[in-house]
Every structure is written in structure tokens, then in C-alpha cells.
PDB file of N, CA and C in Angstrom:
ATOM      1  N   MET A   1       0.879  -0.881  -0.173  1.00  0.00           N
ATOM      2  CA  MET A   1       0.016   0.000  -0.039  1.00  0.00           C
ATOM      3  C   MET A   1       0.932   1.200  -0.161  1.00  0.00           C
ATOM      4  N   LYS A   2       0.590   2.212  -0.626  1.00  0.00           N
ATOM      5  CA  LYS A   2       1.168   3.385  -0.884  1.00  0.00           C
ATOM      6  C   LYS A   2       0.559   4.377  -0.041  1.00  0.00           C
ATOM      7  N   VAL A   3       1.298   5.059   1.166  1.00  0.00           N
ATOM      8  CA  VAL A   3       0.788   6.014   1.929  1.00  0.00           C
ATOM      9  C   VAL A   3       1.802   7.260   1.841  1.00  0.00           C
ATOM     10  N   THR A   4       1.169   8.365   1.655  1.00  0.00           N
ATOM     11  CA  THR A   4       1.755   9.882   1.571  1.00  0.00           C
ATOM     12  C   THR A   4       0.949  10.711   2.810  1.00  0.00           C
ATOM     13  N   VAL A   5       2.024  11.296   3.304  1.00  0.00           N
ATOM     14  CA  VAL A   5       1.539  11.952   4.356  1.00  0.00           C
ATOM     15  C   VAL A   5       1.850  13.932   3.829  1.00  0.00           C
ATOM     16  N   TYR A   6       1.150  14.361   3.927  1.00  0.00           N
ATOM     17  CA  TYR A   6       1.503  16.006   3.774  1.00  0.00           C
ATOM     18  C   TYR A   6       1.526  16.738   4.909  1.00  0.00           C
ATOM     19  N   SER A   7       2.670  17.447   5.425  1.00  0.00           N
ATOM     20  CA  SER A   7       3.058  17.768   6.538  1.00  0.00           C
ATOM     21  C   SER A   7       3.181  19.420   6.386  1.00  0.00           C
ATOM     22  N   LYS A   8       3.455  19.996   7.316  1.00  0.00           N
ATOM     23  CA  LYS A   8       4.426  21.239   7.474  1.00  0.00           C
ATOM     24  C   LYS A   8       5.177  21.361   8.640  1.00  0.00           C
ATOM     25  N   ASN A   9       6.267  22.224   8.752  1.00  0.00           N
ATOM     26  CA  ASN A   9       7.011  22.225   9.805  1.00  0.00           C
ATOM     27  C   ASN A   9       6.314  22.673  11.433  1.00  0.00           C
ATOM     28  N   ASN A  10       6.678  22.092  12.247  1.00  0.00           N
ATOM     29  CA  ASN A  10       5.699  22.673  13.823  1.00  0.00           C
ATOM     30  C   ASN A  10       4.429  22.534  13.852  1.00  0.00           C
ATOM     31  N   CYS A  11       4.064  21.493  13.087  1.00  0.00           N
ATOM     32  CA  CYS A  11       2.728  20.925  13.261  1.00  0.00           C
ATOM     33  C   CYS A  11       2.512  19.708  14.102  1.00  0.00           C
ATOM     34  N   MET A  12       2.004  19.667  15.202  1.00  0.00           N
ATOM     35  CA  MET A  12       1.732  18.762  16.149  1.00  0.00           C
ATOM     36  C   MET A  12       1.086  17.536  15.722  1.00  0.00           C
ATOM     37  N   GLN A  13       0.000  18.120  14.832  1.00  0.00           N
ATOM     38  CA  GLN A  13      -0.824  16.638  14.487  1.00  0.00           C
ATOM     39  C   GLN A  13      -0.268  15.962  13.337  1.00  0.00           C
ATOM     40  N   CYS A  14       0.697  16.894  12.664  1.00  0.00           N
ATOM     41  CA  CYS A  14       1.511  16.134  11.521  1.00  0.00           C
ATOM     42  C   CYS A  14       2.828  15.231  12.237  1.00  0.00           C
ATOM     43  N   LYS A  15       3.095  15.351  13.423  1.00  0.00           N
ATOM     44  CA  LYS A  15       3.990  14.498  14.238  1.00  0.00           C
ATOM     45  C   LYS A  15       3.693  13.699  14.821  1.00  0.00           C
ATOM     46  N   MET A  16       1.825  13.702  15.217  1.00  0.00           N
ATOM     47  CA  MET A  16       1.427  12.600  15.786  1.00  0.00           C
ATOM     48  C   MET A  16       1.027  11.456  15.009  1.00  0.00           C
ATOM     49  N   THR A  17       0.806  12.179  13.729  1.00  0.00           N
ATOM     50  CA  THR A  17       0.314  11.094  12.810  1.00  0.00           C
ATOM     51  C   THR A  17       1.470  10.360  11.960  1.00  0.00           C
ATOM     52  N   LYS A  18       2.734  10.951  11.791  1.00  0.00           N
ATOM     53  CA  LYS A  18       4.143  10.276  11.527  1.00  0.00           C
ATOM     54  C   LYS A  18       4.398   9.386  12.478  1.00  0.00           C
ATOM     55  N   ARG A  19       4.088   9.633  13.852  1.00  0.00           N
ATOM     56  CA  ARG A  19       4.456   8.637  14.868  1.00  0.00           C
ATOM     57  C   ARG A  19       3.774   7.408  14.854  1.00  0.00           C
ATOM     58  N   PHE A  20       2.270   7.935  14.671  1.00  0.00           N
ATOM     59  CA  PHE A  20       1.363   6.514  14.958  1.00  0.00           C
ATOM     60  C   PHE A  20       1.491   5.345  13.834  1.00  0.00           C
ATOM     61  N   LEU A  21       1.914   6.129  12.295  1.00  0.00           N
ATOM     62  CA  LEU A  21       2.153   5.289  11.094  1.00  0.00           C
ATOM     63  C   LEU A  21       3.758   4.475  11.447  1.00  0.00           C
ATOM     64  N   SER A  22       4.739   5.116  11.967  1.00  0.00           N
ATOM     65  CA  SER A  22       5.764   4.565  11.976  1.00  0.00           C
ATOM     66  C   SER A  22       5.688   3.575  13.592  1.00  0.00           C
ATOM     67  N   GLU A  23       4.846   3.674  14.480  1.00  0.00           N
ATOM     68  CA  GLU A  23       5.065   2.756  15.571  1.00  0.00           C
ATOM     69  C   GLU A  23       4.372   1.478  15.097  1.00  0.00           C
ATOM     70  N   HIS A  24       3.424   1.772  13.780  1.00  0.00           N
ATOM     71  CA  HIS A  24       2.640   0.752  13.445  1.00  0.00           C
ATOM     72  C   HIS A  24       3.031   0.077  12.113  1.00  0.00           C
ATOM     73  N   ASN A  25       4.450   0.347  11.847  1.00  0.00           N
ATOM     74  CA  ASN A  25       5.168  -0.266  10.976  1.00  0.00           C
ATOM     75  C   ASN A  25       4.888   0.122   9.564  1.00  0.00           C
ATOM     76  N   VAL A  26       3.878   1.081   9.382  1.00  0.00           N
ATOM     77  CA  VAL A  26       3.459   1.627   8.283  1.00  0.00           C
ATOM     78  C   VAL A  26       4.450   2.579   7.352  1.00  0.00           C
ATOM     79  N   ASP A  27       5.090   2.077   6.206  1.00  0.00           N
ATOM     80  CA  ASP A  27       5.735   2.729   5.729  1.00  0.00           C
ATOM     81  C   ASP A  27       4.983   3.907   4.718  1.00  0.00           C
ATOM     82  N   PHE A  28       5.659   5.218   4.892  1.00  0.00           N
ATOM     83  CA  PHE A  28       4.838   6.401   4.201  1.00  0.00           C
ATOM     84  C   PHE A  28       5.786   7.530   3.750  1.00  0.00           C
ATOM     85  N   GLU A  29       5.819   7.958   2.672  1.00  0.00           N
ATOM     86  CA  GLU A  29       6.401   9.445   2.157  1.00  0.00           C
ATOM     87  C   GLU A  29       5.871  10.359   2.811  1.00  0.00           C
ATOM     88  N   GLU A  30       6.684  11.215   3.221  1.00  0.00           N
ATOM     89  CA  GLU A  30       6.409  12.472   3.700  1.00  0.00           C
ATOM     90  C   GLU A  30       6.373  13.702   2.559  1.00  0.00           C
ATOM     91  N   ARG A  31       5.515  14.368   2.224  1.00  0.00           N
ATOM     92  CA  ARG A  31       5.547  15.831   1.610  1.00  0.00           C
ATOM     93  C   ARG A  31       5.297  16.895   2.129  1.00  0.00           C
ATOM     94  N   ASN A  32       6.560  17.609   2.719  1.00  0.00           N
ATOM     95  CA  ASN A  32       6.719  18.958   3.198  1.00  0.00           C
ATOM     96  C   ASN A  32       6.173  20.132   2.541  1.00  0.00           C
ATOM     97  N   ILE A  33       5.012  20.618   3.013  1.00  0.00           N
ATOM     98  CA  ILE A  33       4.821  22.084   2.227  1.00  0.00           C
ATOM     99  C   ILE A  33       5.327  23.056   2.307  1.00  0.00           C
ATOM    100  N   ASN A  34       6.103  23.047   3.642  1.00  0.00           N
ATOM    101  CA  ASN A  34       7.044  24.210   3.572  1.00  0.00           C
ATOM    102  C   ASN A  34       8.399  24.264   2.750  1.00  0.00           C
ATOM    103  N   GLN A  35       8.594  22.725   2.531  1.00  0.00           N
ATOM    104  CA  GLN A  35      10.017  22.575   1.718  1.00  0.00           C
ATOM    105  C   GLN A  35       9.517  22.628   0.266  1.00  0.00           C
ATOM    106  N   ASN A  36       8.267  22.210  -0.211  1.00  0.00           N
ATOM    107  CA  ASN A  36       7.674  22.149  -1.544  1.00  0.00           C
ATOM    108  C   ASN A  36       6.466  22.741  -1.656  1.00  0.00           C
ATOM    109  N   PRO A  37       6.478  24.337  -1.616  1.00  0.00           N
ATOM    110  CA  PRO A  37       5.163  24.717  -1.822  1.00  0.00           C
ATOM    111  C   PRO A  37       4.234  24.477  -2.973  1.00  0.00           C
ATOM    112  N   GLU A  38       4.750  23.888  -3.759  1.00  0.00           N
ATOM    113  CA  GLU A  38       3.574  23.321  -5.087  1.00  0.00           C
ATOM    114  C   GLU A  38       2.737  22.340  -4.622  1.00  0.00           C
ATOM    115  N   TYR A  39       2.964  21.648  -3.424  1.00  0.00           N
ATOM    116  CA  TYR A  39       2.047  20.567  -2.827  1.00  0.00           C
ATOM    117  C   TYR A  39       0.853  21.348  -2.168  1.00  0.00           C
ATOM    118  N   VAL A  40       1.019  22.536  -1.809  1.00  0.00           N
ATOM    119  CA  VAL A  40      -0.321  23.415  -1.210  1.00  0.00           C
ATOM    120  C   VAL A  40      -1.423  23.666  -2.342  1.00  0.00           C
ATOM    121  N   THR A  41      -0.781  23.679  -3.512  1.00  0.00           N
ATOM    122  CA  THR A  41      -1.573  23.992  -4.796  1.00  0.00           C
ATOM    123  C   THR A  41      -2.572  22.749  -5.153  1.00  0.00           C
ATOM    124  N   TYR A  42      -1.813  21.464  -4.985  1.00  0.00           N
ATOM    125  CA  TYR A  42      -2.327  20.105  -5.262  1.00  0.00           C
ATOM    126  C   TYR A  42      -3.403  19.888  -3.967  1.00  0.00           C
ATOM    127  N   LEU A  43      -2.949  20.232  -2.663  1.00  0.00           N
ATOM    128  CA  LEU A  43      -3.856  19.861  -1.723  1.00  0.00           C
ATOM    129  C   LEU A  43      -5.164  20.909  -1.897  1.00  0.00           C
ATOM    130  N   LYS A  44      -4.994  22.023  -2.153  1.00  0.00           N
ATOM    131  CA  LYS A  44      -6.138  22.942  -2.386  1.00  0.00           C
ATOM    132  C   LYS A  44      -6.951  22.738  -3.285  1.00  0.00           C
ATOM    133  N   GLU A  45      -6.247  22.075  -4.502  1.00  0.00           N
ATOM    134  CA  GLU A  45      -7.245  21.494  -5.709  1.00  0.00           C
ATOM    135  C   GLU A  45      -8.072  20.136  -5.174  1.00  0.00           C
ATOM    136  N   LYS A  46      -7.653  19.452  -4.175  1.00  0.00           N
ATOM    137  CA  LYS A  46      -8.189  18.107  -3.678  1.00  0.00           C
ATOM    138  C   LYS A  46      -9.173  18.787  -2.611  1.00  0.00           C
ATOM    139  N   GLY A  47      -9.538  19.858  -2.523  1.00  0.00           N
ATOM    140  CA  GLY A  47     -10.254  20.520  -1.278  1.00  0.00           C
ATOM    141  C   GLY A  47      -9.821  20.568   0.127  1.00  0.00           C
ATOM    142  N   PHE A  48      -8.600  20.274   0.428  1.00  0.00           N
ATOM    143  CA  PHE A  48      -7.895  20.423   1.705  1.00  0.00           C
ATOM    144  C   PHE A  48      -7.568  21.933   1.801  1.00  0.00           C
ATOM    145  N   GLN A  49      -7.501  22.352   3.295  1.00  0.00           N
ATOM    146  CA  GLN A  49      -6.994  23.434   3.666  1.00  0.00           C
ATOM    147  C   GLN A  49      -6.160  23.483   4.797  1.00  0.00           C
ATOM    148  N   ALA A  50      -6.064  22.270   5.349  1.00  0.00           N
ATOM    149  CA  ALA A  50      -5.033  22.034   6.638  1.00  0.00           C
ATOM    150  C   ALA A  50      -4.459  20.646   6.532  1.00  0.00           C
ATOM    151  N   VAL A  51      -3.336  20.750   7.235  1.00  0.00           N
ATOM    152  CA  VAL A  51      -2.579  19.357   7.052  1.00  0.00           C
ATOM    153  C   VAL A  51      -2.462  18.797   8.591  1.00  0.00           C
ATOM    154  N   PRO A  52      -1.915  17.615   8.775  1.00  0.00           N
ATOM    155  CA  PRO A  52      -1.609  16.799   7.699  1.00  0.00           C
ATOM    156  C   PRO A  52      -2.663  16.073   6.875  1.00  0.00           C
ATOM    157  N   VAL A  53      -2.408  15.831   5.629  1.00  0.00           N
ATOM    158  CA  VAL A  53      -3.415  15.071   4.509  1.00  0.00           C
ATOM    159  C   VAL A  53      -2.813  13.854   4.490  1.00  0.00           C
ATOM    160  N   VAL A  54      -3.465  12.780   4.774  1.00  0.00           N
ATOM    161  CA  VAL A  54      -3.102  11.255   4.436  1.00  0.00           C
ATOM    162  C   VAL A  54      -3.681  10.746   3.480  1.00  0.00           C
ATOM    163  N   GLU A  55      -2.787  10.357   2.495  1.00  0.00           N
ATOM    164  CA  GLU A  55      -3.612   9.564   0.951  1.00  0.00           C
ATOM    165  C   GLU A  55      -2.996   8.233   1.435  1.00  0.00           C
ATOM    166  N   ALA A  56      -4.053   7.289   1.060  1.00  0.00           N
ATOM    167  CA  ALA A  56      -3.564   5.628   1.182  1.00  0.00           C
ATOM    168  C   ALA A  56      -4.516   4.978   0.150  1.00  0.00           C
ATOM    169  N   SER A  57      -3.809   4.191  -0.687  1.00  0.00           N
ATOM    170  CA  SER A  57      -4.154   3.562  -1.646  1.00  0.00           C
ATOM    171  C   SER A  57      -5.375   2.909  -1.115  1.00  0.00           C
ATOM    172  N   GLY A  58      -6.492   3.000  -1.947  1.00  0.00           N
ATOM    173  CA  GLY A  58      -7.850   1.956  -1.482  1.00  0.00           C
ATOM    174  C   GLY A  58      -8.152   2.623  -0.157  1.00  0.00           C
ATOM    175  N   HIS A  59      -8.146   4.038   0.347  1.00  0.00           N
ATOM    176  CA  HIS A  59      -8.635   4.736   1.250  1.00  0.00           C
ATOM    177  C   HIS A  59      -9.057   5.957   1.061  1.00  0.00           C
ATOM    178  N   PRO A  60     -10.125   6.373   1.516  1.00  0.00           N
ATOM    179  CA  PRO A  60     -10.219   7.813   1.207  1.00  0.00           C
ATOM    180  C   PRO A  60      -9.312   8.749   1.944  1.00  0.00           C
ATOM    181  N   ALA A  61      -9.005  10.065   1.187  1.00  0.00           N
ATOM    182  CA  ALA A  61      -7.865  11.008   1.945  1.00  0.00           C
ATOM    183  C   ALA A  61      -8.283  11.517   2.729  1.00  0.00           C
ATOM    184  N   PHE A  62      -7.788  11.885   4.052  1.00  0.00           N
ATOM    185  CA  PHE A  62      -8.243  12.945   5.199  1.00  0.00           C
ATOM    186  C   PHE A  62      -7.217  13.470   5.865  1.00  0.00           C
ATOM    187  N   TYR A  63      -7.959  14.639   6.559  1.00  0.00           N
ATOM    188  CA  TYR A  63      -6.879  15.547   7.156  1.00  0.00           C
ATOM    189  C   TYR A  63      -6.789  15.398   8.609  1.00  0.00           C
ATOM    190  N   GLY A  64      -5.898  16.038   9.499  1.00  0.00           N
ATOM    191  CA  GLY A  64      -5.836  16.026  10.911  1.00  0.00           C
ATOM    192  C   GLY A  64      -5.499  14.715  11.356  1.00  0.00           C
ATOM    193  N   PHE A  65      -4.942  14.675  12.674  1.00  0.00           N
ATOM    194  CA  PHE A  65      -4.973  13.392  13.486  1.00  0.00           C
ATOM    195  C   PHE A  65      -5.915  12.357  13.917  1.00  0.00           C
ATOM    196  N   ARG A  66      -6.584  11.231  12.512  1.00  0.00           N
ATOM    197  CA  ARG A  66      -7.292  10.580  12.987  1.00  0.00           C
ATOM    198  C   ARG A  66      -6.957   9.554  13.426  1.00  0.00           C
ATOM    199  N   PRO A  67      -6.829   8.817  14.725  1.00  0.00           N
ATOM    200  CA  PRO A  67      -6.662   7.479  14.960  1.00  0.00           C
ATOM    201  C   PRO A  67      -7.402   6.551  14.451  1.00  0.00           C
ATOM    202  N   ASP A  68      -8.580   6.904  14.268  1.00  0.00           N
ATOM    203  CA  ASP A  68      -9.798   5.835  13.888  1.00  0.00           C
ATOM    204  C   ASP A  68      -9.321   5.327  12.103  1.00  0.00           C
ATOM    205  N   GLN A  69      -8.811   6.511  11.543  1.00  0.00           N
ATOM    206  CA  GLN A  69      -8.481   6.079  10.282  1.00  0.00           C
ATOM    207  C   GLN A  69      -7.422   5.804   9.896  1.00  0.00           C
ATOM    208  N   LEU A  70      -6.484   6.247  10.662  1.00  0.00           N
ATOM    209  CA  LEU A  70      -5.026   5.444  10.839  1.00  0.00           C
ATOM    210  C   LEU A  70      -4.889   4.240  11.153  1.00  0.00           C
ATOM    211  N   THR A  71      -5.653   3.656  12.095  1.00  0.00           N
ATOM    212  CA  THR A  71      -5.918   2.127  12.265  1.00  0.00           C
ATOM    213  C   THR A  71      -6.026   1.527  11.312  1.00  0.00           C
ATOM    214  N   GLN A  72      -7.325   1.982  10.502  1.00  0.00           N
ATOM    215  CA  GLN A  72      -7.773   1.068   9.346  1.00  0.00           C
ATOM    216  C   GLN A  72      -6.738   1.124   8.123  1.00  0.00           C
ATOM    217  N   ILE A  73      -5.767   1.710   7.905  1.00  0.00           N
ATOM    218  CA  ILE A  73      -4.482   1.909   7.222  1.00  0.00           C
ATOM    219  C   ILE A  73      -3.429   0.894   7.372  1.00  0.00           C
ATOM    220  N   ALA A  74      -3.334   0.943   8.867  1.00  0.00           N
ATOM    221  CA  ALA A  74      -2.409   0.269   9.603  1.00  0.00           C
ATOM    222  C   ALA A  74      -2.773  -1.416   9.530  1.00  0.00           C
ATOM    223  N   GLY A  75      -3.930  -1.744   9.432  1.00  0.00           N
ATOM    224  CA  GLY A  75      -4.698  -2.789   9.572  1.00  0.00           C
ATOM    225  C   GLY A  75      -3.876  -3.756   8.938  1.00  0.00           C
TER     226      GLY A  75
END
């Protein structure tokens, strides 16, 4: 499964999301919007206005720290 986490610097929910995935041995690619501002346009086009945004194949994308959604990905 491909998992992508869009994050930004100094974001507590981003850190918690990445920690959750790491603790559950879920490999993910992090895309930082501070380092790569082009991701902001992509996220806005998808309807998101906040990070973290998590995209996982076979699951609907979501934003925020959502242990319920992350557990389904980690399952």
C-alpha cells in the first residue's frame, strides 16, 4: 500500500500522525509543504485547507490526526 503524508514544519498533528504510522510499521512518504510549496496547490485542488493530509491507496484521503482512520490503514 502506498501512503503519503502531507505535513508542515512545527505541526503537532503532523508529528502525531507520522509517529502513529511509524509505531504501526506503516511505510509512508512525507511531503512537506514548507519545503515544497507546490504541494499546497495540489492539496487545495483536492479540497484540503489544513495538514496533515493522509492519502493511502484504497482509502479515502483525510486530514488531521485521525487514529480511527490511521488504524484502518495500519490494519
